[in-house]
Every structure is written in C-alpha cells, then in structure tokens.
Amino acid sequence: MMETVVAQKSAASAEAVLNKPEELSYSEQMTKAILPNRYLGGETFLDIGCGQSTALARLLVCRGGGYTPCDIHLPTLEELQKKLVNERLNTKDLDPWLVEDISCLSFEDKSFDFSHVRQVIAHIHSSKVDEAVSEAFRVVRRGAYFLEMDWSDVVPCFEASSYFSEFIAEVRSFAGNHGIDLNFGRKLNAAVHRVLESQASRILIFESQRMAGNYSKEYIEVCKSMIHISGKTRDLETKSRFEDFAEQFGKHPVVSRPPKMYSVIAERFKSATS
C-alpha cells in the first residue's frame, strides 16, 4: 500500500530562504526548508554521498540530532572531517572512515531514523538506481530523503553571451562522459515509486521551479566541481575550460532559467515495525 502526497508544487518555503545571508547552495537550502518542519528533533541521520558540505551536520547538531556521513571516496570524508572539526560539529555518532557504496550499504536494517541522499543517484549507473533507492530506505526506521536536479530546461533569458551556451554544452558533454544523468530529477519520483511500491510507505513530493534570474554563483560552483573532477582525472584541457567559464560568470553574469529541483521523501507508516 502506498500513499502519494504532492506536498509542495513550487517549493515556496525554499524560495523564502533563498535570499538569506548564508553560504548554502540552493539544494542545501531546499534541505533546510523541507526537513526541519517534519524531521529534525533529535533523530539520527545517515548522510549518503555526503560530499564536503557541513550543512546537514549544522542542522542536526543544533537540534541534538545524530549525524553519520558516508561517501564512496575516502579523501572526501577526510576533507569533511577537517571541516566538521573546524566548525566544532563533531558528534558521538561521527565516524570519518565510513567508505560506502550506496548500492550495497554495510549497515543493518533500520540503523538510522533517516537517510539523506542529495544529488547522488544521478551519478551512479542506471543499472544500480533501484538498488540505491532500496538501500537508502532499508537502513532507516522512519524515512529516506532524496534530492536531484534536472537541467533539461536550463536556458538563457534575453540575449546572453555566447559563453553561456558553450558552458551548458560543455556541462552536458562532461556529464555524458562521466555517466552523470543531468535530467535524473524528473525521473526521481518514478524511481522511488517503482522500488517502494510493495512496501508500506508514504511518498511526499517536492518540486521547485525557480524564476529566471542571475544564478552565476551556482554555475561557478558547478565549474568548481568540474574542475575538481577533471583535475583528478588529469584532463587538463577540460579543467582549463571550466576555469575560463568560472571567470566569465564572475565578470559577466547571465540571466537564465536555472535547473529545477525535485525532492522525494519516502516514509514508513508509523504502524510499521521498528
């Protein structure tokens, strides 16, 4: 049995925090806007594919929650540990050496209250998507939170510098070469339903289509990510191109329609055994 709830069509609460003076990416702001109202009150979270962001840890620690990060890359975990120490966000639940593959997590069933999977599944092979969704739900007692982006409608508004179109083309090419599905956001809801349709769960759907505007800061962050990946693979030509794009966005901001965000929360019914 499954109940589907379209909880928020335009993510107005996420828009409300967009202009707050905090150094959060928009996806981090979505997490902050959606989760506290329902789930942040001392619960334990597994942050799957945590990356180097301390945003979730900050949300949890200030509310007495438990934070456990895991990632497939050990250097990423080491960098995150340094940031957590610098920000005094260490918790008793923190283990900096949890190198994990989302498609085959080592944790026992229902080890955490929630799992947090933000912009991770788009980076794995399509053959492992169902396994990843299933694993994120298997290890939780209450629910799993997924967030992905959709770049299919990213276009410049008005007359834009040619570098923006070149940037989008380069991002799409880079993603294709590295097995990243830039449009997975629009497939997220279907993937979660497909995997969890036989389980007792409620599905909450959050969709955010932002207004056109200057999102150069976000595109610069995308450039930094591409620079980091191409640097590790020693693709110096691609690294140089994204360095040039980042410089262009800094000098010549572009008004565009930004990527759309999709969030899905899969909850266990309270009647389910814990």
C-alpha atoms as a PDB file:
ATOM      1  CA  MET A   1       0.000   0.000   0.000  1.00  0.00           C
ATOM      2  CA  MET A   2       1.339   3.427  -0.876  1.00  0.00           C
ATOM      3  CA  GLU A   3       0.074   6.946  -0.352  1.00  0.00           C
ATOM      4  CA  THR A   4       1.425   9.703  -2.571  1.00  0.00           C
ATOM      5  CA  VAL A   5       1.256  13.305  -1.459  1.00  0.00           C
ATOM      6  CA  VAL A   6       2.294  16.221  -3.650  1.00  0.00           C
ATOM      7  CA  ALA A   7       3.324  18.286  -0.695  1.00  0.00           C
ATOM      8  CA  GLN A   8       4.678  21.338  -2.443  1.00  0.00           C
ATOM      9  CA  LYS A   9       4.454  22.214  -6.109  1.00  0.00           C
ATOM     10  CA  SER A  10       6.596  25.336  -6.196  1.00  0.00           C
ATOM     11  CA  ALA A  11       8.695  24.931  -3.032  1.00  0.00           C
ATOM     12  CA  ALA A  12       7.680  28.335  -1.716  1.00  0.00           C
ATOM     13  CA  SER A  13       9.337  27.749   1.648  1.00  0.00           C
ATOM     14  CA  ALA A  14      12.606  27.037  -0.123  1.00  0.00           C
ATOM     15  CA  GLU A  15      12.227  30.258  -2.077  1.00  0.00           C
ATOM     16  CA  ALA A  16      11.695  32.096   1.202  1.00  0.00           C
ATOM     17  CA  VAL A  17      15.169  31.172   2.412  1.00  0.00           C
ATOM     18  CA  LEU A  18      16.888  31.759  -0.927  1.00  0.00           C
ATOM     19  CA  ASN A  19      17.908  35.319  -0.068  1.00  0.00           C
ATOM     20  CA  LYS A  20      19.048  34.649   3.481  1.00  0.00           C
ATOM     21  CA  PRO A  21      22.703  35.646   4.035  1.00  0.00           C
ATOM     22  CA  GLU A  22      24.006  32.078   4.374  1.00  0.00           C
ATOM     23  CA  GLU A  23      26.630  30.339   2.259  1.00  0.00           C
ATOM     24  CA  LEU A  24      24.362  27.471   1.234  1.00  0.00           C
ATOM     25  CA  SER A  25      23.800  26.057  -2.212  1.00  0.00           C
ATOM     26  CA  TYR A  26      20.195  26.052  -3.373  1.00  0.00           C
ATOM     27  CA  SER A  27      19.938  22.282  -2.870  1.00  0.00           C
ATOM     28  CA  GLU A  28      21.179  22.768   0.703  1.00  0.00           C
ATOM     29  CA  GLN A  29      18.577  25.473   1.187  1.00  0.00           C
ATOM     30  CA  MET A  30      15.915  23.060  -0.103  1.00  0.00           C
ATOM     31  CA  THR A  31      17.037  20.538   2.513  1.00  0.00           C
ATOM     32  CA  LYS A  32      16.921  23.179   5.215  1.00  0.00           C
ATOM     33  CA  ALA A  33      13.484  24.389   4.124  1.00  0.00           C
ATOM     34  CA  ILE A  34      11.863  20.956   3.826  1.00  0.00           C
ATOM     35  CA  LEU A  35      13.324  18.838   6.599  1.00  0.00           C
ATOM     36  CA  PRO A  36      13.092  20.896   9.832  1.00  0.00           C
ATOM     37  CA  ASN A  37       9.307  21.115   9.791  1.00  0.00           C
ATOM     38  CA  ARG A  38       8.960  17.349   9.951  1.00  0.00           C
ATOM     39  CA  TYR A  39      12.069  15.515  10.968  1.00  0.00           C
ATOM     40  CA  LEU A  40      14.725  17.462  12.840  1.00  0.00           C
ATOM     41  CA  GLY A  41      14.237  16.903  16.532  1.00  0.00           C
ATOM     42  CA  GLY A  42      16.990  14.649  17.833  1.00  0.00           C
ATOM     43  CA  GLU A  43      16.795  11.998  15.112  1.00  0.00           C
ATOM     44  CA  THR A  44      19.797  10.162  13.692  1.00  0.00           C
ATOM     45  CA  PHE A  45      20.657  10.752  10.037  1.00  0.00           C
ATOM     46  CA  LEU A  46      22.855   8.829   7.627  1.00  0.00           C
ATOM     47  CA  ASP A  47      24.202  11.275   5.032  1.00  0.00           C
ATOM     48  CA  ILE A  48      24.813   9.066   1.982  1.00  0.00           C
ATOM     49  CA  GLY A  49      27.251  10.524  -0.541  1.00  0.00           C
ATOM     50  CA  CYS A  50      27.863  13.321   1.934  1.00  0.00           C
ATOM     51  CA  GLY A  51      30.459  15.203  -0.083  1.00  0.00           C
ATOM     52  CA  GLN A  52      32.212  18.014   1.768  1.00  0.00           C
ATOM     53  CA  SER A  53      29.170  20.054   2.809  1.00  0.00           C
ATOM     54  CA  THR A  54      28.583  20.561   6.545  1.00  0.00           C
ATOM     55  CA  ALA A  55      25.070  21.984   6.035  1.00  0.00           C
ATOM     56  CA  LEU A  56      23.173  18.909   7.261  1.00  0.00           C
ATOM     57  CA  ALA A  57      25.517  18.434  10.202  1.00  0.00           C
ATOM     58  CA  ARG A  58      24.860  22.027  11.292  1.00  0.00           C
ATOM     59  CA  LEU A  59      21.093  21.498  11.097  1.00  0.00           C
ATOM     60  CA  LEU A  60      21.268  18.317  13.151  1.00  0.00           C
ATOM     61  CA  VAL A  61      23.802  19.234  15.801  1.00  0.00           C
ATOM     62  CA  CYS A  62      21.976  22.408  16.815  1.00  0.00           C
ATOM     63  CA  ARG A  63      18.857  20.277  17.372  1.00  0.00           C
ATOM     64  CA  GLY A  64      20.560  17.445  19.242  1.00  0.00           C
ATOM     65  CA  GLY A  65      20.459  15.003  16.351  1.00  0.00           C
ATOM     66  CA  GLY A  66      22.960  12.346  15.360  1.00  0.00           C
ATOM     67  CA  TYR A  67      24.966  12.741  12.139  1.00  0.00           C
ATOM     68  CA  THR A  68      26.774   9.921  10.326  1.00  0.00           C
ATOM     69  CA  PRO A  69      28.400  10.780   6.973  1.00  0.00           C
ATOM     70  CA  CYS A  70      29.413   8.205   4.399  1.00  0.00           C
ATOM     71  CA  ASP A  71      30.854   8.536   0.911  1.00  0.00           C
ATOM     72  CA  ILE A  72      32.461   6.287  -1.661  1.00  0.00           C
ATOM     73  CA  HIS A  73      35.607   8.467  -1.707  1.00  0.00           C
ATOM     74  CA  LEU A  74      37.882   8.421   1.357  1.00  0.00           C
ATOM     75  CA  PRO A  75      39.604  11.776   0.534  1.00  0.00           C
ATOM     76  CA  THR A  76      36.152  13.410   0.539  1.00  0.00           C
ATOM     77  CA  LEU A  77      35.465  12.047   4.022  1.00  0.00           C
ATOM     78  CA  GLU A  78      38.843  13.252   5.234  1.00  0.00           C
ATOM     79  CA  GLU A  79      38.142  16.785   3.982  1.00  0.00           C
ATOM     80  CA  LEU A  80      34.679  16.730   5.556  1.00  0.00           C
ATOM     81  CA  GLN A  81      36.171  15.636   8.874  1.00  0.00           C
ATOM     82  CA  LYS A  82      38.504  18.637   8.837  1.00  0.00           C
ATOM     83  CA  LYS A  83      35.577  20.985   8.233  1.00  0.00           C
ATOM     84  CA  LEU A  84      33.487  19.387  10.964  1.00  0.00           C
ATOM     85  CA  VAL A  85      36.358  19.787  13.421  1.00  0.00           C
ATOM     86  CA  ASN A  86      36.934  23.405  12.398  1.00  0.00           C
ATOM     87  CA  GLU A  87      33.228  24.158  12.841  1.00  0.00           C
ATOM     88  CA  ARG A  88      33.086  22.158  16.088  1.00  0.00           C
ATOM     89  CA  LEU A  89      30.424  19.886  14.686  1.00  0.00           C
ATOM     90  CA  ASN A  90      31.814  16.585  15.912  1.00  0.00           C
ATOM     91  CA  THR A  91      29.140  14.302  17.299  1.00  0.00           C
ATOM     92  CA  LYS A  92      29.278  10.970  19.115  1.00  0.00           C
ATOM     93  CA  ASP A  93      27.794   9.352  16.008  1.00  0.00           C
ATOM     94  CA  LEU A  94      30.505  10.613  13.671  1.00  0.00           C
ATOM     95  CA  ASP A  95      32.834   8.065  12.110  1.00  0.00           C
ATOM     96  CA  PRO A  96      35.051   9.727   9.473  1.00  0.00           C
ATOM     97  CA  TRP A  97      36.026   6.436   7.834  1.00  0.00           C
ATOM     98  CA  LEU A  98      32.654   5.229   6.547  1.00  0.00           C
ATOM     99  CA  VAL A  99      33.551   4.497   2.927  1.00  0.00           C
ATOM    100  CA  GLU A 100      30.293   3.164   1.495  1.00  0.00           C
ATOM    101  CA  ASP A 101      28.716   2.324  -1.868  1.00  0.00           C
ATOM    102  CA  ILE A 102      25.065   3.417  -1.862  1.00  0.00           C
ATOM    103  CA  SER A 103      24.046   0.343  -3.847  1.00  0.00           C
ATOM    104  CA  CYS A 104      25.314  -2.036  -1.124  1.00  0.00           C
ATOM    105  CA  LEU A 105      25.479  -0.300   2.264  1.00  0.00           C
ATOM    106  CA  SER A 106      27.063  -2.232   5.136  1.00  0.00           C
ATOM    107  CA  PHE A 107      24.628  -1.030   7.823  1.00  0.00           C
ATOM    108  CA  GLU A 108      21.999  -3.283   9.342  1.00  0.00           C
ATOM    109  CA  ASP A 109      18.306  -2.764   8.614  1.00  0.00           C
ATOM    110  CA  LYS A 110      16.747   0.289  10.305  1.00  0.00           C
ATOM    111  CA  SER A 111      20.025   1.511  11.793  1.00  0.00           C
ATOM    112  CA  PHE A 112      19.081   5.204  11.490  1.00  0.00           C
ATOM    113  CA  ASP A 113      15.944   7.312  11.726  1.00  0.00           C
ATOM    114  CA  PHE A 114      16.506   8.893   8.313  1.00  0.00           C
ATOM    115  CA  SER A 115      18.827   8.777   5.320  1.00  0.00           C
ATOM    116  CA  HIS A 116      19.757  11.864   3.311  1.00  0.00           C
ATOM    117  CA  VAL A 117      20.637  11.343  -0.366  1.00  0.00           C
ATOM    118  CA  ARG A 118      21.264  14.674  -2.075  1.00  0.00           C
ATOM    119  CA  GLN A 119      22.489  14.763  -5.680  1.00  0.00           C
ATOM    120  CA  VAL A 120      23.973  11.277  -5.525  1.00  0.00           C
ATOM    121  CA  ILE A 121      21.831   8.879  -7.567  1.00  0.00           C
ATOM    122  CA  ALA A 122      22.300  10.850 -10.788  1.00  0.00           C
ATOM    123  CA  HIS A 123      25.996   9.969 -10.555  1.00  0.00           C
ATOM    124  CA  ILE A 124      25.587   6.196 -10.437  1.00  0.00           C
ATOM    125  CA  HIS A 125      24.982   3.759 -13.283  1.00  0.00           C
ATOM    126  CA  SER A 126      21.354   3.383 -14.296  1.00  0.00           C
ATOM    127  CA  SER A 127      21.528  -0.347 -13.546  1.00  0.00           C
ATOM    128  CA  LYS A 128      22.130   0.441  -9.854  1.00  0.00           C
ATOM    129  CA  VAL A 129      19.458   3.107  -9.337  1.00  0.00           C
ATOM    130  CA  ASP A 130      16.869   0.692  -7.913  1.00  0.00           C
ATOM    131  CA  GLU A 131      19.444  -0.845  -5.578  1.00  0.00           C
ATOM    132  CA  ALA A 132      20.474   2.604  -4.341  1.00  0.00           C
ATOM    133  CA  VAL A 133      16.900   3.675  -3.574  1.00  0.00           C
ATOM    134  CA  SER A 134      16.205   0.358  -1.876  1.00  0.00           C
ATOM    135  CA  GLU A 135      19.334   0.534   0.270  1.00  0.00           C
ATOM    136  CA  ALA A 136      18.670   4.122   1.363  1.00  0.00           C
ATOM    137  CA  PHE A 137      15.244   3.000   2.580  1.00  0.00           C
ATOM    138  CA  ARG A 138      16.359  -0.332   4.059  1.00  0.00           C
ATOM    139  CA  VAL A 139      18.671   1.253   6.636  1.00  0.00           C
ATOM    140  CA  VAL A 140      16.077   3.660   8.092  1.00  0.00           C
ATOM    141  CA  ARG A 141      13.342   3.397  10.705  1.00  0.00           C
ATOM    142  CA  ARG A 142      11.343   6.432   9.574  1.00  0.00           C
ATOM    143  CA  GLY A 143      12.198   7.630   6.086  1.00  0.00           C
ATOM    144  CA  ALA A 144      14.595   8.485   3.276  1.00  0.00           C
ATOM    145  CA  TYR A 145      15.077  11.930   1.707  1.00  0.00           C
ATOM    146  CA  PHE A 146      16.197  12.195  -1.929  1.00  0.00           C
ATOM    147  CA  LEU A 147      17.009  15.331  -3.933  1.00  0.00           C
ATOM    148  CA  GLU A 148      18.095  15.567  -7.559  1.00  0.00           C
ATOM    149  CA  MET A 149      18.346  18.246 -10.247  1.00  0.00           C
ATOM    150  CA  ASP A 150      17.017  18.499 -13.790  1.00  0.00           C
ATOM    151  CA  TRP A 151      18.987  20.552 -16.297  1.00  0.00           C
ATOM    152  CA  SER A 152      16.727  19.898 -19.288  1.00  0.00           C
ATOM    153  CA  ASP A 153      15.157  23.380 -19.245  1.00  0.00           C
ATOM    154  CA  VAL A 154      18.242  25.454 -18.399  1.00  0.00           C
ATOM    155  CA  VAL A 155      18.317  28.238 -20.966  1.00  0.00           C
ATOM    156  CA  PRO A 156      19.495  31.855 -21.073  1.00  0.00           C
ATOM    157  CA  CYS A 157      16.901  34.607 -20.959  1.00  0.00           C
ATOM    158  CA  PHE A 158      17.087  37.587 -23.262  1.00  0.00           C
ATOM    159  CA  GLU A 159      20.304  37.984 -25.184  1.00  0.00           C
ATOM    160  CA  ALA A 160      23.163  36.193 -23.462  1.00  0.00           C
ATOM    161  CA  SER A 161      26.878  35.958 -24.057  1.00  0.00           C
ATOM    162  CA  SER A 162      27.845  33.009 -26.210  1.00  0.00           C
ATOM    163  CA  TYR A 163      29.901  31.550 -23.365  1.00  0.00           C
ATOM    164  CA  PHE A 164      26.723  30.520 -21.522  1.00  0.00           C
ATOM    165  CA  SER A 165      25.556  28.266 -24.350  1.00  0.00           C
ATOM    166  CA  GLU A 166      29.088  26.889 -24.574  1.00  0.00           C
ATOM    167  CA  PHE A 167      29.055  26.282 -20.812  1.00  0.00           C
ATOM    168  CA  ILE A 168      25.778  24.323 -20.965  1.00  0.00           C
ATOM    169  CA  ALA A 169      27.056  22.257 -23.894  1.00  0.00           C
ATOM    170  CA  GLU A 170      30.286  21.540 -22.030  1.00  0.00           C
ATOM    171  CA  VAL A 171      28.419  20.529 -18.869  1.00  0.00           C
ATOM    172  CA  ARG A 172      26.214  18.137 -20.846  1.00  0.00           C
ATOM    173  CA  SER A 173      29.228  16.656 -22.614  1.00  0.00           C
ATOM    174  CA  PHE A 174      31.148  16.287 -19.357  1.00  0.00           C
ATOM    175  CA  ALA A 175      28.180  14.640 -17.652  1.00  0.00           C
ATOM    176  CA  GLY A 176      27.706  12.206 -20.519  1.00  0.00           C
ATOM    177  CA  ASN A 177      31.371  11.235 -20.485  1.00  0.00           C
ATOM    178  CA  HIS A 178      31.258  10.593 -16.729  1.00  0.00           C
ATOM    179  CA  GLY A 179      27.943   8.751 -16.558  1.00  0.00           C
ATOM    180  CA  ILE A 180      26.050  11.584 -14.850  1.00  0.00           C
ATOM    181  CA  ASP A 181      22.342  11.910 -15.661  1.00  0.00           C
ATOM    182  CA  LEU A 182      21.719  15.663 -15.586  1.00  0.00           C
ATOM    183  CA  ASN A 183      17.983  15.135 -16.024  1.00  0.00           C
ATOM    184  CA  PHE A 184      17.523  12.499 -13.333  1.00  0.00           C
ATOM    185  CA  GLY A 185      15.475  14.875 -11.167  1.00  0.00           C
ATOM    186  CA  ARG A 186      12.365  14.380 -13.291  1.00  0.00           C
ATOM    187  CA  LYS A 187      12.826  10.597 -13.013  1.00  0.00           C
ATOM    188  CA  LEU A 188      13.294  10.574  -9.240  1.00  0.00           C
ATOM    189  CA  ASN A 189       9.653  10.236  -8.249  1.00  0.00           C
ATOM    190  CA  ALA A 190       9.109   7.330 -10.649  1.00  0.00           C
ATOM    191  CA  ALA A 191      12.238   5.567  -9.405  1.00  0.00           C
ATOM    192  CA  VAL A 192      11.185   5.823  -5.751  1.00  0.00           C
ATOM    193  CA  HIS A 193       7.660   4.600  -6.525  1.00  0.00           C
ATOM    194  CA  ARG A 194       8.988   1.727  -8.639  1.00  0.00           C
ATOM    195  CA  VAL A 195      11.264   0.456  -5.882  1.00  0.00           C
ATOM    196  CA  LEU A 196       8.991   1.023  -2.889  1.00  0.00           C
ATOM    197  CA  GLU A 197       5.587   0.204  -4.372  1.00  0.00           C
ATOM    198  CA  SER A 198       5.375  -3.090  -2.460  1.00  0.00           C
ATOM    199  CA  GLN A 199       6.365  -1.550   0.867  1.00  0.00           C
ATOM    200  CA  ALA A 200       4.234   0.304   3.394  1.00  0.00           C
ATOM    201  CA  SER A 201       5.308   3.879   2.791  1.00  0.00           C
ATOM    202  CA  ARG A 202       4.072   7.373   2.116  1.00  0.00           C
ATOM    203  CA  ILE A 203       5.665   9.453  -0.623  1.00  0.00           C
ATOM    204  CA  LEU A 204       5.990  13.229  -0.287  1.00  0.00           C
ATOM    205  CA  ILE A 205       6.924  15.063  -3.487  1.00  0.00           C
ATOM    206  CA  PHE A 206       8.549  18.497  -3.575  1.00  0.00           C
ATOM    207  CA  GLU A 207       9.149  20.280  -6.861  1.00  0.00           C
ATOM    208  CA  SER A 208      10.861  23.625  -7.287  1.00  0.00           C
ATOM    209  CA  GLN A 209      10.954  25.647 -10.488  1.00  0.00           C
ATOM    210  CA  ARG A 210      12.659  28.924  -9.732  1.00  0.00           C
ATOM    211  CA  MET A 211      12.127  32.171 -11.549  1.00  0.00           C
ATOM    212  CA  ALA A 212      14.641  33.362 -14.116  1.00  0.00           C
ATOM    213  CA  GLY A 213      17.463  35.334 -12.582  1.00  0.00           C
ATOM    214  CA  ASN A 214      21.193  35.647 -12.062  1.00  0.00           C
ATOM    215  CA  TYR A 215      22.406  32.223 -10.935  1.00  0.00           C
ATOM    216  CA  SER A 216      26.043  32.819 -11.825  1.00  0.00           C
ATOM    217  CA  LYS A 217      27.172  31.912  -8.308  1.00  0.00           C
ATOM    218  CA  GLU A 218      25.613  28.456  -8.658  1.00  0.00           C
ATOM    219  CA  TYR A 219      27.161  27.947 -12.077  1.00  0.00           C
ATOM    220  CA  ILE A 220      30.554  28.893 -10.649  1.00  0.00           C
ATOM    221  CA  GLU A 221      30.083  26.131  -8.064  1.00  0.00           C
ATOM    222  CA  VAL A 222      29.304  23.720 -10.910  1.00  0.00           C
ATOM    223  CA  CYS A 223      32.522  24.841 -12.592  1.00  0.00           C
ATOM    224  CA  LYS A 224      34.462  24.193  -9.381  1.00  0.00           C
ATOM    225  CA  SER A 225      33.060  20.674  -9.221  1.00  0.00           C
ATOM    226  CA  MET A 226      34.015  20.007 -12.836  1.00  0.00           C
ATOM    227  CA  ILE A 227      37.476  21.494 -12.243  1.00  0.00           C
ATOM    228  CA  HIS A 228      37.926  19.185  -9.257  1.00  0.00           C
ATOM    229  CA  ILE A 229      36.872  16.059 -11.173  1.00  0.00           C
ATOM    230  CA  SER A 230      38.879  16.863 -14.304  1.00  0.00           C
ATOM    231  CA  GLY A 231      41.892  17.675 -12.135  1.00  0.00           C
ATOM    232  CA  LYS A 232      41.718  14.238 -10.517  1.00  0.00           C
ATOM    233  CA  THR A 233      41.477  12.575 -13.941  1.00  0.00           C
ATOM    234  CA  ARG A 234      44.296  14.786 -15.277  1.00  0.00           C
ATOM    235  CA  ASP A 235      42.062  16.143 -18.022  1.00  0.00           C
ATOM    236  CA  LEU A 236      43.833  19.480 -18.117  1.00  0.00           C
ATOM    237  CA  GLU A 237      42.043  20.738 -21.227  1.00  0.00           C
ATOM    238  CA  THR A 238      38.599  20.331 -19.658  1.00  0.00           C
ATOM    239  CA  LYS A 239      39.881  21.748 -16.376  1.00  0.00           C
ATOM    240  CA  SER A 240      41.106  24.846 -18.192  1.00  0.00           C
ATOM    241  CA  ARG A 241      37.776  25.333 -19.997  1.00  0.00           C
ATOM    242  CA  PHE A 242      35.792  25.270 -16.758  1.00  0.00           C
ATOM    243  CA  GLU A 243      38.274  27.636 -15.161  1.00  0.00           C
ATOM    244  CA  ASP A 244      37.573  30.028 -18.042  1.00  0.00           C
ATOM    245  CA  PHE A 245      33.808  29.596 -17.607  1.00  0.00           C
ATOM    246  CA  ALA A 246      34.068  30.349 -13.874  1.00  0.00           C
ATOM    247  CA  GLU A 247      35.975  33.538 -14.662  1.00  0.00           C
ATOM    248  CA  GLN A 248      33.372  34.571 -17.248  1.00  0.00           C
ATOM    249  CA  PHE A 249      30.496  34.073 -14.801  1.00  0.00           C
ATOM    250  CA  GLY A 250      32.364  36.245 -12.309  1.00  0.00           C
ATOM    251  CA  LYS A 251      32.813  39.050 -14.810  1.00  0.00           C
ATOM    252  CA  HIS A 252      29.673  38.753 -16.942  1.00  0.00           C
ATOM    253  CA  PRO A 253      26.632  37.408 -15.044  1.00  0.00           C
ATOM    254  CA  VAL A 254      23.887  35.859 -17.152  1.00  0.00           C
ATOM    255  CA  VAL A 255      20.131  35.843 -16.537  1.00  0.00           C
ATOM    256  CA  SER A 256      18.853  32.313 -17.062  1.00  0.00           C
ATOM    257  CA  ARG A 257      16.231  29.773 -16.133  1.00  0.00           C
ATOM    258  CA  PRO A 258      18.082  27.586 -13.588  1.00  0.00           C
ATOM    259  CA  PRO A 259      17.978  23.828 -13.022  1.00  0.00           C
ATOM    260  CA  LYS A 260      14.769  22.507 -11.497  1.00  0.00           C
ATOM    261  CA  MET A 261      14.929  20.709  -8.154  1.00  0.00           C
ATOM    262  CA  TYR A 262      12.984  17.582  -7.239  1.00  0.00           C
ATOM    263  CA  SER A 263      12.805  16.169  -3.718  1.00  0.00           C
ATOM    264  CA  VAL A 264      11.074  12.980  -2.646  1.00  0.00           C
ATOM    265  CA  ILE A 265      10.650  11.749   0.919  1.00  0.00           C
ATOM    266  CA  ALA A 266       9.737   8.091   1.374  1.00  0.00           C
ATOM    267  CA  GLU A 267       8.298   7.468   4.839  1.00  0.00           C
ATOM    268  CA  ARG A 268       7.463   4.313   6.681  1.00  0.00           C
ATOM    269  CA  PHE A 269       3.991   4.314   8.195  1.00  0.00           C
ATOM    270  CA  LYS A 270       4.008   4.621  11.971  1.00  0.00           C
ATOM    271  CA  SER A 271       2.347   1.235  12.160  1.00  0.00           C
ATOM    272  CA  ALA A 272       5.339  -0.413  10.528  1.00  0.00           C
ATOM    273  CA  THR A 273       7.547  -2.358  12.889  1.00  0.00           C
ATOM    274  CA  SER A 274      10.668  -0.583  14.057  1.00  0.00           C
END
